[in-house]
Amino acid sequence: MSATLIIMLDSHLPESDLLKVLLEPLLEDFQYWFSQARLRLEGNQLQGLDQEQQSELLGRVEQAQKDVSAAQSLFRVTNGQVGVDTPVVMQWHQLVSECWQVAMAARLNPSSEGEK
């Protein structure tokens, strides 16, 4: 897990309640989209990616999924008193967007999906 992944919050600040409302569902969304990306990347040779690119993308998705799991665990254990550094959230968002683009390209050319 990245050293900048987790930031501690003062439990007496009102931001901690806001963090619970926003961060928990966001982490769940990241888990969902990374799981969907893994299924697609593990099960098919995708249009627009050679095997090395697909393997590299899958590795980044797997690492991000582990990092999100760690953040979720810390979030639960501390009762919502930790957050995720904004640049890390942005990296995850960028990775999700990249996975969406790959999935969209595969949907636009379904004949290539499933070829190995």
PDB file of N, CA and C in Angstrom:
ATOM      1  N   MET A   1       0.849  -1.169   0.000  1.00  0.00           N
ATOM      2  CA  MET A   1       0.000   0.000   0.000  1.00  0.00           C
ATOM      3  C   MET A   1       0.898   1.236   0.000  1.00  0.00           C
ATOM      4  N   SER A   2       0.500   2.201  -0.748  1.00  0.00           N
ATOM      5  CA  SER A   2       1.256   3.442  -0.864  1.00  0.00           C
ATOM      6  C   SER A   2       1.301   4.165   0.470  1.00  0.00           C
ATOM      7  N   ALA A   3       2.429   4.799   0.737  1.00  0.00           N
ATOM      8  CA  ALA A   3       2.578   5.544   1.992  1.00  0.00           C
ATOM      9  C   ALA A   3       1.614   6.720   2.060  1.00  0.00           C
ATOM     10  N   THR A   4       1.184   7.226   0.915  1.00  0.00           N
ATOM     11  CA  THR A   4       0.271   8.360   0.903  1.00  0.00           C
ATOM     12  C   THR A   4      -1.183   7.924   0.839  1.00  0.00           C
ATOM     13  N   LEU A   5      -1.420   6.642   0.933  1.00  0.00           N
ATOM     14  CA  LEU A   5      -2.776   6.135   0.774  1.00  0.00           C
ATOM     15  C   LEU A   5      -3.717   6.610   1.872  1.00  0.00           C
ATOM     16  N   ILE A   6      -3.288   6.543   3.089  1.00  0.00           N
ATOM     17  CA  ILE A   6      -4.189   6.801   4.209  1.00  0.00           C
ATOM     18  C   ILE A   6      -3.809   8.107   4.900  1.00  0.00           C
ATOM     19  N   ILE A   7      -4.819   8.899   5.201  1.00  0.00           N
ATOM     20  CA  ILE A   7      -4.616  10.084   6.019  1.00  0.00           C
ATOM     21  C   ILE A   7      -5.531   9.956   7.237  1.00  0.00           C
ATOM     22  N   MET A   8      -5.034  10.367   8.372  1.00  0.00           N
ATOM     23  CA  MET A   8      -5.819  10.287   9.601  1.00  0.00           C
ATOM     24  C   MET A   8      -6.620  11.576   9.779  1.00  0.00           C
ATOM     25  N   LEU A   9      -7.787  11.418  10.336  1.00  0.00           N
ATOM     26  CA  LEU A   9      -8.641  12.572  10.604  1.00  0.00           C
ATOM     27  C   LEU A   9      -8.870  12.707  12.097  1.00  0.00           C
ATOM     28  N   ASP A  10      -9.098  13.906  12.529  1.00  0.00           N
ATOM     29  CA  ASP A  10      -9.474  14.174  13.908  1.00  0.00           C
ATOM     30  C   ASP A  10     -10.935  13.760  14.059  1.00  0.00           C
ATOM     31  N   SER A  11     -11.212  12.830  14.959  1.00  0.00           N
ATOM     32  CA  SER A  11     -12.567  12.297  15.098  1.00  0.00           C
ATOM     33  C   SER A  11     -13.572  13.339  15.572  1.00  0.00           C
ATOM     34  N   HIS A  12     -13.104  14.486  16.018  1.00  0.00           N
ATOM     35  CA  HIS A  12     -14.002  15.523  16.499  1.00  0.00           C
ATOM     36  C   HIS A  12     -14.418  16.497  15.398  1.00  0.00           C
ATOM     37  N   LEU A  13     -13.872  16.326  14.228  1.00  0.00           N
ATOM     38  CA  LEU A  13     -14.205  17.228  13.130  1.00  0.00           C
ATOM     39  C   LEU A  13     -15.450  16.739  12.390  1.00  0.00           C
ATOM     40  N   PRO A  14     -16.299  17.634  11.924  1.00  0.00           N
ATOM     41  CA  PRO A  14     -17.486  17.223  11.182  1.00  0.00           C
ATOM     42  C   PRO A  14     -17.146  16.557   9.848  1.00  0.00           C
ATOM     43  N   GLU A  15     -15.924  16.787   9.334  1.00  0.00           N
ATOM     44  CA  GLU A  15     -15.535  16.168   8.077  1.00  0.00           C
ATOM     45  C   GLU A  15     -15.533  14.648   8.170  1.00  0.00           C
ATOM     46  N   SER A  16     -15.330  14.100   9.372  1.00  0.00           N
ATOM     47  CA  SER A  16     -15.289  12.646   9.502  1.00  0.00           C
ATOM     48  C   SER A  16     -16.647  12.033   9.151  1.00  0.00           C
ATOM     49  N   ASP A  17     -17.749  12.701   9.485  1.00  0.00           N
ATOM     50  CA  ASP A  17     -19.068  12.197   9.098  1.00  0.00           C
ATOM     51  C   ASP A  17     -19.252  12.276   7.593  1.00  0.00           C
ATOM     52  N   LEU A  18     -18.806  13.360   7.009  1.00  0.00           N
ATOM     53  CA  LEU A  18     -18.883  13.515   5.566  1.00  0.00           C
ATOM     54  C   LEU A  18     -18.037  12.449   4.878  1.00  0.00           C
ATOM     55  N   LEU A  19     -16.879  12.165   5.439  1.00  0.00           N
ATOM     56  CA  LEU A  19     -16.004  11.141   4.887  1.00  0.00           C
ATOM     57  C   LEU A  19     -16.696   9.780   4.874  1.00  0.00           C
ATOM     58  N   LYS A  20     -17.405   9.460   5.944  1.00  0.00           N
ATOM     59  CA  LYS A  20     -18.125   8.187   5.999  1.00  0.00           C
ATOM     60  C   LYS A  20     -19.179   8.105   4.900  1.00  0.00           C
ATOM     61  N   VAL A  21     -19.875   9.201   4.693  1.00  0.00           N
ATOM     62  CA  VAL A  21     -20.947   9.228   3.694  1.00  0.00           C
ATOM     63  C   VAL A  21     -20.395   9.127   2.272  1.00  0.00           C
ATOM     64  N   LEU A  22     -19.255   9.746   2.031  1.00  0.00           N
ATOM     65  CA  LEU A  22     -18.695   9.792   0.682  1.00  0.00           C
ATOM     66  C   LEU A  22     -17.697   8.679   0.392  1.00  0.00           C
ATOM     67  N   LEU A  23     -16.783   8.433   1.312  1.00  0.00           N
ATOM     68  CA  LEU A  23     -15.686   7.517   1.020  1.00  0.00           C
ATOM     69  C   LEU A  23     -16.126   6.057   0.963  1.00  0.00           C
ATOM     70  N   GLU A  24     -16.965   5.648   1.876  1.00  0.00           N
ATOM     71  CA  GLU A  24     -17.364   4.241   1.901  1.00  0.00           C
ATOM     72  C   GLU A  24     -18.007   3.802   0.585  1.00  0.00           C
ATOM     73  N   PRO A  25     -19.005   4.526   0.062  1.00  0.00           N
ATOM     74  CA  PRO A  25     -19.572   4.109  -1.229  1.00  0.00           C
ATOM     75  C   PRO A  25     -18.583   4.263  -2.390  1.00  0.00           C
ATOM     76  N   LEU A  26     -17.697   5.242  -2.300  1.00  0.00           N
ATOM     77  CA  LEU A  26     -16.699   5.407  -3.355  1.00  0.00           C
ATOM     78  C   LEU A  26     -15.766   4.200  -3.404  1.00  0.00           C
ATOM     79  N   LEU A  27     -15.314   3.742  -2.247  1.00  0.00           N
ATOM     80  CA  LEU A  27     -14.459   2.562  -2.197  1.00  0.00           C
ATOM     81  C   LEU A  27     -15.193   1.330  -2.716  1.00  0.00           C
ATOM     82  N   GLU A  28     -16.478   1.222  -2.385  1.00  0.00           N
ATOM     83  CA  GLU A  28     -17.278   0.106  -2.907  1.00  0.00           C
ATOM     84  C   GLU A  28     -17.384   0.176  -4.429  1.00  0.00           C
ATOM     85  N   ASP A  29     -17.569   1.377  -4.961  1.00  0.00           N
ATOM     86  CA  ASP A  29     -17.624   1.548  -6.418  1.00  0.00           C
ATOM     87  C   ASP A  29     -16.307   1.146  -7.065  1.00  0.00           C
ATOM     88  N   PHE A  30     -15.187   1.564  -6.474  1.00  0.00           N
ATOM     89  CA  PHE A  30     -13.887   1.173  -7.023  1.00  0.00           C
ATOM     90  C   PHE A  30     -13.754  -0.350  -7.025  1.00  0.00           C
ATOM     91  N   GLN A  31     -14.156  -0.994  -5.940  1.00  0.00           N
ATOM     92  CA  GLN A  31     -14.073  -2.459  -5.889  1.00  0.00           C
ATOM     93  C   GLN A  31     -14.909  -3.088  -7.000  1.00  0.00           C
ATOM     94  N   TYR A  32     -16.117  -2.575  -7.186  1.00  0.00           N
ATOM     95  CA  TYR A  32     -16.999  -3.112  -8.229  1.00  0.00           C
ATOM     96  C   TYR A  32     -16.354  -2.981  -9.610  1.00  0.00           C
ATOM     97  N   TRP A  33     -15.894  -1.782  -9.945  1.00  0.00           N
ATOM     98  CA  TRP A  33     -15.358  -1.557 -11.289  1.00  0.00           C
ATOM     99  C   TRP A  33     -14.043  -2.291 -11.503  1.00  0.00           C
ATOM    100  N   PHE A  34     -13.215  -2.388 -10.472  1.00  0.00           N
ATOM    101  CA  PHE A  34     -11.979  -3.158 -10.624  1.00  0.00           C
ATOM    102  C   PHE A  34     -12.288  -4.646 -10.773  1.00  0.00           C
ATOM    103  N   SER A  35     -13.306  -5.134 -10.083  1.00  0.00           N
ATOM    104  CA  SER A  35     -13.713  -6.540 -10.248  1.00  0.00           C
ATOM    105  C   SER A  35     -14.214  -6.800 -11.662  1.00  0.00           C
ATOM    106  N   GLN A  36     -15.015  -5.889 -12.183  1.00  0.00           N
ATOM    107  CA  GLN A  36     -15.513  -6.023 -13.555  1.00  0.00           C
ATOM    108  C   GLN A  36     -14.352  -6.009 -14.554  1.00  0.00           C
ATOM    109  N   ALA A  37     -13.400  -5.125 -14.335  1.00  0.00           N
ATOM    110  CA  ALA A  37     -12.238  -5.038 -15.225  1.00  0.00           C
ATOM    111  C   ALA A  37     -11.419  -6.318 -15.174  1.00  0.00           C
ATOM    112  N   ARG A  38     -11.229  -6.853 -13.984  1.00  0.00           N
ATOM    113  CA  ARG A  38     -10.473  -8.111 -13.849  1.00  0.00           C
ATOM    114  C   ARG A  38     -11.143  -9.235 -14.609  1.00  0.00           C
ATOM    115  N   LEU A  39     -12.457  -9.342 -14.477  1.00  0.00           N
ATOM    116  CA  LEU A  39     -13.170 -10.395 -15.204  1.00  0.00           C
ATOM    117  C   LEU A  39     -12.937 -10.281 -16.702  1.00  0.00           C
ATOM    118  N   ARG A  40     -13.036  -9.077 -17.217  1.00  0.00           N
ATOM    119  CA  ARG A  40     -12.856  -8.858 -18.647  1.00  0.00           C
ATOM    120  C   ARG A  40     -11.412  -9.123 -19.056  1.00  0.00           C
ATOM    121  N   LEU A  41     -10.465  -8.626 -18.269  1.00  0.00           N
ATOM    122  CA  LEU A  41      -9.048  -8.768 -18.617  1.00  0.00           C
ATOM    123  C   LEU A  41      -8.538 -10.199 -18.458  1.00  0.00           C
ATOM    124  N   GLU A  42      -9.083 -10.926 -17.499  1.00  0.00           N
ATOM    125  CA  GLU A  42      -8.638 -12.298 -17.273  1.00  0.00           C
ATOM    126  C   GLU A  42      -9.263 -13.273 -18.264  1.00  0.00           C
ATOM    127  N   GLY A  43     -10.435 -12.930 -18.771  1.00  0.00           N
ATOM    128  CA  GLY A  43     -11.165 -13.895 -19.581  1.00  0.00           C
ATOM    129  C   GLY A  43     -11.046 -13.735 -21.077  1.00  0.00           C
ATOM    130  N   ASN A  44     -10.474 -12.662 -21.561  1.00  0.00           N
ATOM    131  CA  ASN A  44     -10.489 -12.382 -22.989  1.00  0.00           C
ATOM    132  C   ASN A  44      -9.219 -11.682 -23.424  1.00  0.00           C
ATOM    133  N   GLN A  45      -8.859 -11.916 -24.678  1.00  0.00           N
ATOM    134  CA  GLN A  45      -7.841 -11.075 -25.305  1.00  0.00           C
ATOM    135  C   GLN A  45      -8.613  -9.912 -25.916  1.00  0.00           C
ATOM    136  N   LEU A  46      -8.344  -8.718 -25.467  1.00  0.00           N
ATOM    137  CA  LEU A  46      -9.171  -7.577 -25.820  1.00  0.00           C
ATOM    138  C   LEU A  46      -8.610  -6.800 -27.004  1.00  0.00           C
ATOM    139  N   GLN A  47      -9.526  -6.302 -27.807  1.00  0.00           N
ATOM    140  CA  GLN A  47      -9.200  -5.470 -28.963  1.00  0.00           C
ATOM    141  C   GLN A  47      -8.409  -4.249 -28.529  1.00  0.00           C
ATOM    142  N   GLY A  48      -7.344  -3.944 -29.250  1.00  0.00           N
ATOM    143  CA  GLY A  48      -6.572  -2.740 -28.987  1.00  0.00           C
ATOM    144  C   GLY A  48      -5.453  -2.921 -27.979  1.00  0.00           C
ATOM    145  N   LEU A  49      -5.363  -4.092 -27.372  1.00  0.00           N
ATOM    146  CA  LEU A  49      -4.298  -4.366 -26.408  1.00  0.00           C
ATOM    147  C   LEU A  49      -3.560  -5.631 -26.823  1.00  0.00           C
ATOM    148  N   ASP A  50      -2.232  -5.561 -26.878  1.00  0.00           N
ATOM    149  CA  ASP A  50      -1.508  -6.814 -27.072  1.00  0.00           C
ATOM    150  C   ASP A  50      -1.427  -7.516 -25.716  1.00  0.00           C
ATOM    151  N   GLN A  51      -0.912  -8.732 -25.696  1.00  0.00           N
ATOM    152  CA  GLN A  51      -0.907  -9.505 -24.449  1.00  0.00           C
ATOM    153  C   GLN A  51      -0.113  -8.808 -23.339  1.00  0.00           C
ATOM    154  N   GLU A  52       0.998  -8.174 -23.699  1.00  0.00           N
ATOM    155  CA  GLU A  52       1.811  -7.485 -22.695  1.00  0.00           C
ATOM    156  C   GLU A  52       1.057  -6.296 -22.098  1.00  0.00           C
ATOM    157  N   GLN A  53       0.387  -5.522 -22.944  1.00  0.00           N
ATOM    158  CA  GLN A  53      -0.383  -4.370 -22.454  1.00  0.00           C
ATOM    159  C   GLN A  53      -1.529  -4.832 -21.562  1.00  0.00           C
ATOM    160  N   GLN A  54      -2.193  -5.894 -21.985  1.00  0.00           N
ATOM    161  CA  GLN A  54      -3.314  -6.409 -21.202  1.00  0.00           C
ATOM    162  C   GLN A  54      -2.829  -6.946 -19.864  1.00  0.00           C
ATOM    163  N   SER A  55      -1.712  -7.638 -19.858  1.00  0.00           N
ATOM    164  CA  SER A  55      -1.147  -8.161 -18.621  1.00  0.00           C
ATOM    165  C   SER A  55      -0.739  -7.023 -17.683  1.00  0.00           C
ATOM    166  N   GLU A  56      -0.161  -5.968 -18.237  1.00  0.00           N
ATOM    167  CA  GLU A  56       0.249  -4.819 -17.444  1.00  0.00           C
ATOM    168  C   GLU A  56      -0.971  -4.120 -16.834  1.00  0.00           C
ATOM    169  N   LEU A  57      -2.025  -3.954 -17.639  1.00  0.00           N
ATOM    170  CA  LEU A  57      -3.251  -3.332 -17.143  1.00  0.00           C
ATOM    171  C   LEU A  57      -3.880  -4.202 -16.055  1.00  0.00           C
ATOM    172  N   LEU A  58      -3.914  -5.497 -16.277  1.00  0.00           N
ATOM    173  CA  LEU A  58      -4.453  -6.405 -15.268  1.00  0.00           C
ATOM    174  C   LEU A  58      -3.653  -6.302 -13.968  1.00  0.00           C
ATOM    175  N   GLY A  59      -2.339  -6.212 -14.062  1.00  0.00           N
ATOM    176  CA  GLY A  59      -1.505  -6.068 -12.862  1.00  0.00           C
ATOM    177  C   GLY A  59      -1.820  -4.793 -12.104  1.00  0.00           C
ATOM    178  N   ARG A  60      -2.017  -3.700 -12.837  1.00  0.00           N
ATOM    179  CA  ARG A  60      -2.364  -2.431 -12.175  1.00  0.00           C
ATOM    180  C   ARG A  60      -3.733  -2.517 -11.519  1.00  0.00           C
ATOM    181  N   VAL A  61      -4.680  -3.184 -12.173  1.00  0.00           N
ATOM    182  CA  VAL A  61      -6.024  -3.347 -11.601  1.00  0.00           C
ATOM    183  C   VAL A  61      -5.947  -4.198 -10.337  1.00  0.00           C
ATOM    184  N   GLU A  62      -5.200  -5.282 -10.395  1.00  0.00           N
ATOM    185  CA  GLU A  62      -5.068  -6.146  -9.217  1.00  0.00           C
ATOM    186  C   GLU A  62      -4.435  -5.393  -8.047  1.00  0.00           C
ATOM    187  N   GLN A  63      -3.409  -4.593  -8.315  1.00  0.00           N
ATOM    188  CA  GLN A  63      -2.763  -3.826  -7.246  1.00  0.00           C
ATOM    189  C   GLN A  63      -3.722  -2.779  -6.678  1.00  0.00           C
ATOM    190  N   ALA A  64      -4.436  -2.099  -7.553  1.00  0.00           N
ATOM    191  CA  ALA A  64      -5.397  -1.099  -7.087  1.00  0.00           C
ATOM    192  C   ALA A  64      -6.480  -1.757  -6.245  1.00  0.00           C
ATOM    193  N   GLN A  65      -6.918  -2.925  -6.660  1.00  0.00           N
ATOM    194  CA  GLN A  65      -7.956  -3.631  -5.900  1.00  0.00           C
ATOM    195  C   GLN A  65      -7.442  -4.003  -4.505  1.00  0.00           C
ATOM    196  N   LYS A  66      -6.190  -4.417  -4.405  1.00  0.00           N
ATOM    197  CA  LYS A  66      -5.601  -4.710  -3.088  1.00  0.00           C
ATOM    198  C   LYS A  66      -5.522  -3.446  -2.233  1.00  0.00           C
ATOM    199  N   ASP A  67      -5.113  -2.338  -2.864  1.00  0.00           N
ATOM    200  CA  ASP A  67      -5.015  -1.081  -2.129  1.00  0.00           C
ATOM    201  C   ASP A  67      -6.384  -0.601  -1.641  1.00  0.00           C
ATOM    202  N   VAL A  68      -7.402  -0.756  -2.487  1.00  0.00           N
ATOM    203  CA  VAL A  68      -8.759  -0.371  -2.087  1.00  0.00           C
ATOM    204  C   VAL A  68      -9.225  -1.260  -0.936  1.00  0.00           C
ATOM    205  N   SER A  69      -8.932  -2.552  -1.014  1.00  0.00           N
ATOM    206  CA  SER A  69      -9.302  -3.469   0.073  1.00  0.00           C
ATOM    207  C   SER A  69      -8.637  -3.061   1.383  1.00  0.00           C
ATOM    208  N   ALA A  70      -7.371  -2.695   1.300  1.00  0.00           N
ATOM    209  CA  ALA A  70      -6.661  -2.243   2.507  1.00  0.00           C
ATOM    210  C   ALA A  70      -7.295  -0.972   3.060  1.00  0.00           C
ATOM    211  N   ALA A  71      -7.622  -0.044   2.179  1.00  0.00           N
ATOM    212  CA  ALA A  71      -8.256   1.198   2.624  1.00  0.00           C
ATOM    213  C   ALA A  71      -9.614   0.905   3.258  1.00  0.00           C
ATOM    214  N   GLN A  72     -10.385  -0.001   2.660  1.00  0.00           N
ATOM    215  CA  GLN A  72     -11.690  -0.362   3.234  1.00  0.00           C
ATOM    216  C   GLN A  72     -11.519  -0.979   4.620  1.00  0.00           C
ATOM    217  N   SER A  73     -10.546  -1.848   4.758  1.00  0.00           N
ATOM    218  CA  SER A  73     -10.306  -2.486   6.059  1.00  0.00           C
ATOM    219  C   SER A  73      -9.938  -1.451   7.119  1.00  0.00           C
ATOM    220  N   LEU A  74      -9.023  -0.560   6.782  1.00  0.00           N
ATOM    221  CA  LEU A  74      -8.635   0.485   7.735  1.00  0.00           C
ATOM    222  C   LEU A  74      -9.795   1.417   8.042  1.00  0.00           C
ATOM    223  N   PHE A  75     -10.586   1.706   7.048  1.00  0.00           N
ATOM    224  CA  PHE A  75     -11.746   2.564   7.240  1.00  0.00           C
ATOM    225  C   PHE A  75     -12.709   1.932   8.241  1.00  0.00           C
ATOM    226  N   ARG A  76     -12.956   0.620   8.072  1.00  0.00           N
ATOM    227  CA  ARG A  76     -13.869  -0.086   8.991  1.00  0.00           C
ATOM    228  C   ARG A  76     -13.282  -0.179  10.397  1.00  0.00           C
ATOM    229  N   VAL A  77     -12.013  -0.579  10.493  1.00  0.00           N
ATOM    230  CA  VAL A  77     -11.367  -0.781  11.791  1.00  0.00           C
ATOM    231  C   VAL A  77     -11.318   0.515  12.597  1.00  0.00           C
ATOM    232  N   THR A  78     -11.140   1.631  11.922  1.00  0.00           N
ATOM    233  CA  THR A  78     -11.046   2.922  12.618  1.00  0.00           C
ATOM    234  C   THR A  78     -12.387   3.636  12.700  1.00  0.00           C
ATOM    235  N   ASN A  79     -13.454   2.937  12.323  1.00  0.00           N
ATOM    236  CA  ASN A  79     -14.794   3.517  12.347  1.00  0.00           C
ATOM    237  C   ASN A  79     -14.865   4.809  11.534  1.00  0.00           C
ATOM    238  N   GLY A  80     -14.261   4.768  10.369  1.00  0.00           N
ATOM    239  CA  GLY A  80     -14.345   5.907   9.459  1.00  0.00           C
ATOM    240  C   GLY A  80     -13.442   7.065   9.799  1.00  0.00           C
ATOM    241  N   GLN A  81     -12.412   6.824  10.587  1.00  0.00           N
ATOM    242  CA  GLN A  81     -11.537   7.921  10.999  1.00  0.00           C
ATOM    243  C   GLN A  81     -10.279   8.033  10.139  1.00  0.00           C
ATOM    244  N   VAL A  82     -10.226   7.327   9.025  1.00  0.00           N
ATOM    245  CA  VAL A  82      -9.124   7.470   8.078  1.00  0.00           C
ATOM    246  C   VAL A  82      -9.708   7.757   6.709  1.00  0.00           C
ATOM    247  N   GLY A  83      -8.914   8.380   5.909  1.00  0.00           N
ATOM    248  CA  GLY A  83      -9.331   8.677   4.548  1.00  0.00           C
ATOM    249  C   GLY A  83      -8.260   8.257   3.572  1.00  0.00           C
ATOM    250  N   VAL A  84      -8.494   8.521   2.325  1.00  0.00           N
ATOM    251  CA  VAL A  84      -7.542   8.207   1.274  1.00  0.00           C
ATOM    252  C   VAL A  84      -7.066   9.527   0.675  1.00  0.00           C
ATOM    253  N   ASP A  85      -5.781   9.640   0.509  1.00  0.00           N
ATOM    254  CA  ASP A  85      -5.194  10.843  -0.062  1.00  0.00           C
ATOM    255  C   ASP A  85      -5.786  11.092  -1.451  1.00  0.00           C
ATOM    256  N   THR A  86      -6.121  12.326  -1.740  1.00  0.00           N
ATOM    257  CA  THR A  86      -6.778  12.687  -3.003  1.00  0.00           C
ATOM    258  C   THR A  86      -6.010  12.222  -4.242  1.00  0.00           C
ATOM    259  N   PRO A  87      -4.690  12.371  -4.313  1.00  0.00           N
ATOM    260  CA  PRO A  87      -3.993  11.879  -5.511  1.00  0.00           C
ATOM    261  C   PRO A  87      -4.155  10.373  -5.728  1.00  0.00           C
ATOM    262  N   VAL A  88      -4.278   9.609  -4.652  1.00  0.00           N
ATOM    263  CA  VAL A  88      -4.489   8.164  -4.781  1.00  0.00           C
ATOM    264  C   VAL A  88      -5.877   7.897  -5.355  1.00  0.00           C
ATOM    265  N   VAL A  89      -6.881   8.607  -4.845  1.00  0.00           N
ATOM    266  CA  VAL A  89      -8.248   8.457  -5.377  1.00  0.00           C
ATOM    267  C   VAL A  89      -8.270   8.818  -6.853  1.00  0.00           C
ATOM    268  N   MET A  90      -7.549   9.859  -7.223  1.00  0.00           N
ATOM    269  CA  MET A  90      -7.508  10.267  -8.632  1.00  0.00           C
ATOM    270  C   MET A  90      -6.832   9.201  -9.497  1.00  0.00           C
ATOM    271  N   GLN A  91      -5.793   8.559  -8.990  1.00  0.00           N
ATOM    272  CA  GLN A  91      -5.146   7.466  -9.726  1.00  0.00           C
ATOM    273  C   GLN A  91      -6.124   6.320  -9.943  1.00  0.00           C
ATOM    274  N   TRP A  92      -6.879   5.981  -8.912  1.00  0.00           N
ATOM    275  CA  TRP A  92      -7.862   4.902  -9.053  1.00  0.00           C
ATOM    276  C   TRP A  92      -8.926   5.289 -10.071  1.00  0.00           C
ATOM    277  N   HIS A  93      -9.370   6.537  -9.995  1.00  0.00           N
ATOM    278  CA  HIS A  93     -10.379   7.006 -10.946  1.00  0.00           C
ATOM    279  C   HIS A  93      -9.840   6.936 -12.375  1.00  0.00           C
ATOM    280  N   GLN A  94      -8.619   7.342 -12.558  1.00  0.00           N
ATOM    281  CA  GLN A  94      -8.004   7.291 -13.885  1.00  0.00           C
ATOM    282  C   GLN A  94      -7.914   5.850 -14.383  1.00  0.00           C
ATOM    283  N   LEU A  95      -7.576   4.933 -13.501  1.00  0.00           N
ATOM    284  CA  LEU A  95      -7.490   3.521 -13.881  1.00  0.00           C
ATOM    285  C   LEU A  95      -8.868   2.969 -14.255  1.00  0.00           C
ATOM    286  N   VAL A  96      -9.885   3.332 -13.488  1.00  0.00           N
ATOM    287  CA  VAL A  96     -11.247   2.917 -13.832  1.00  0.00           C
ATOM    288  C   VAL A  96     -11.627   3.460 -15.212  1.00  0.00           C
ATOM    289  N   SER A  97     -11.314   4.721 -15.470  1.00  0.00           N
ATOM    290  CA  SER A  97     -11.612   5.318 -16.779  1.00  0.00           C
ATOM    291  C   SER A  97     -10.888   4.581 -17.895  1.00  0.00           C
ATOM    292  N   GLU A  98      -9.648   4.227 -17.664  1.00  0.00           N
ATOM    293  CA  GLU A  98      -8.888   3.466 -18.662  1.00  0.00           C
ATOM    294  C   GLU A  98      -9.547   2.112 -18.925  1.00  0.00           C
ATOM    295  N   CYS A  99      -9.998   1.458 -17.879  1.00  0.00           N
ATOM    296  CA  CYS A  99     -10.680   0.165 -18.030  1.00  0.00           C
ATOM    297  C   CYS A  99     -11.991   0.325 -18.792  1.00  0.00           C
ATOM    298  N   TRP A 100     -12.720   1.404 -18.518  1.00  0.00           N
ATOM    299  CA  TRP A 100     -13.959   1.666 -19.262  1.00  0.00           C
ATOM    300  C   TRP A 100     -13.669   1.846 -20.747  1.00  0.00           C
ATOM    301  N   GLN A 101     -12.596   2.562 -21.061  1.00  0.00           N
ATOM    302  CA  GLN A 101     -12.242   2.788 -22.461  1.00  0.00           C
ATOM    303  C   GLN A 101     -11.906   1.473 -23.151  1.00  0.00           C
ATOM    304  N   VAL A 102     -11.179   0.604 -22.479  1.00  0.00           N
ATOM    305  CA  VAL A 102     -10.846  -0.706 -23.036  1.00  0.00           C
ATOM    306  C   VAL A 102     -12.114  -1.526 -23.243  1.00  0.00           C
ATOM    307  N   ALA A 103     -13.009  -1.494 -22.261  1.00  0.00           N
ATOM    308  CA  ALA A 103     -14.264  -2.243 -22.380  1.00  0.00           C
ATOM    309  C   ALA A 103     -15.117  -1.703 -23.524  1.00  0.00           C
ATOM    310  N   MET A 104     -15.149  -0.389 -23.668  1.00  0.00           N
ATOM    311  CA  MET A 104     -15.928   0.214 -24.749  1.00  0.00           C
ATOM    312  C   MET A 104     -15.368  -0.200 -26.107  1.00  0.00           C
ATOM    313  N   ALA A 105     -14.055  -0.186 -26.241  1.00  0.00           N
ATOM    314  CA  ALA A 105     -13.432  -0.606 -27.496  1.00  0.00           C
ATOM    315  C   ALA A 105     -13.758  -2.067 -27.790  1.00  0.00           C
ATOM    316  N   ALA A 106     -13.769  -2.894 -26.760  1.00  0.00           N
ATOM    317  CA  ALA A 106     -14.097  -4.313 -26.953  1.00  0.00           C
ATOM    318  C   ALA A 106     -15.555  -4.486 -27.365  1.00  0.00           C
ATOM    319  N   ARG A 107     -16.443  -3.682 -26.801  1.00  0.00           N
ATOM    320  CA  ARG A 107     -17.862  -3.763 -27.177  1.00  0.00           C
ATOM    321  C   ARG A 107     -18.091  -3.299 -28.606  1.00  0.00           C
ATOM    322  N   LEU A 108     -17.313  -2.309 -29.035  1.00  0.00           N
ATOM    323  CA  LEU A 108     -17.456  -1.804 -30.393  1.00  0.00           C
ATOM    324  C   LEU A 108     -16.943  -2.794 -31.429  1.00  0.00           C
ATOM    325  N   ASN A 109     -16.063  -3.691 -31.015  1.00  0.00           N
ATOM    326  CA  ASN A 109     -15.526  -4.703 -31.916  1.00  0.00           C
ATOM    327  C   ASN A 109     -15.590  -6.066 -31.230  1.00  0.00           C
ATOM    328  N   PRO A 110     -16.801  -6.602 -31.036  1.00  0.00           N
ATOM    329  CA  PRO A 110     -16.954  -7.849 -30.260  1.00  0.00           C
ATOM    330  C   PRO A 110     -16.333  -9.074 -30.923  1.00  0.00           C
ATOM    331  N   SER A 111     -16.079  -9.037 -32.211  1.00  0.00           N
ATOM    332  CA  SER A 111     -15.519 -10.210 -32.880  1.00  0.00           C
ATOM    333  C   SER A 111     -14.134 -10.558 -32.372  1.00  0.00           C
ATOM    334  N   SER A 112     -13.407  -9.583 -31.831  1.00  0.00           N
ATOM    335  CA  SER A 112     -12.059  -9.856 -31.341  1.00  0.00           C
ATOM    336  C   SER A 112     -12.077 -10.414 -29.927  1.00  0.00           C
ATOM    337  N   GLU A 113     -13.149 -10.209 -29.198  1.00  0.00           N
ATOM    338  CA  GLU A 113     -13.210 -10.667 -27.820  1.00  0.00           C
ATOM    339  C   GLU A 113     -13.313 -12.176 -27.798  1.00  0.00           C
ATOM    340  N   GLY A 114     -12.601 -12.783 -26.901  1.00  0.00           N
ATOM    341  CA  GLY A 114     -12.617 -14.220 -26.786  1.00  0.00           C
ATOM    342  C   GLY A 114     -11.503 -14.888 -27.566  1.00  0.00           C
ATOM    343  N   GLU A 115     -10.850 -14.180 -28.464  1.00  0.00           N
ATOM    344  CA  GLU A 115      -9.726 -14.753 -29.195  1.00  0.00           C
ATOM    345  C   GLU A 115      -8.509 -14.728 -28.296  1.00  0.00           C
ATOM    346  N   LYS A 116      -7.784 -15.805 -28.300  1.00  0.00           N
ATOM    347  CA  LYS A 116      -6.557 -15.869 -27.500  1.00  0.00           C
ATOM    348  C   LYS A 116      -5.418 -16.340 -28.347  1.00  0.00           C
TER     349      LYS A 116
END
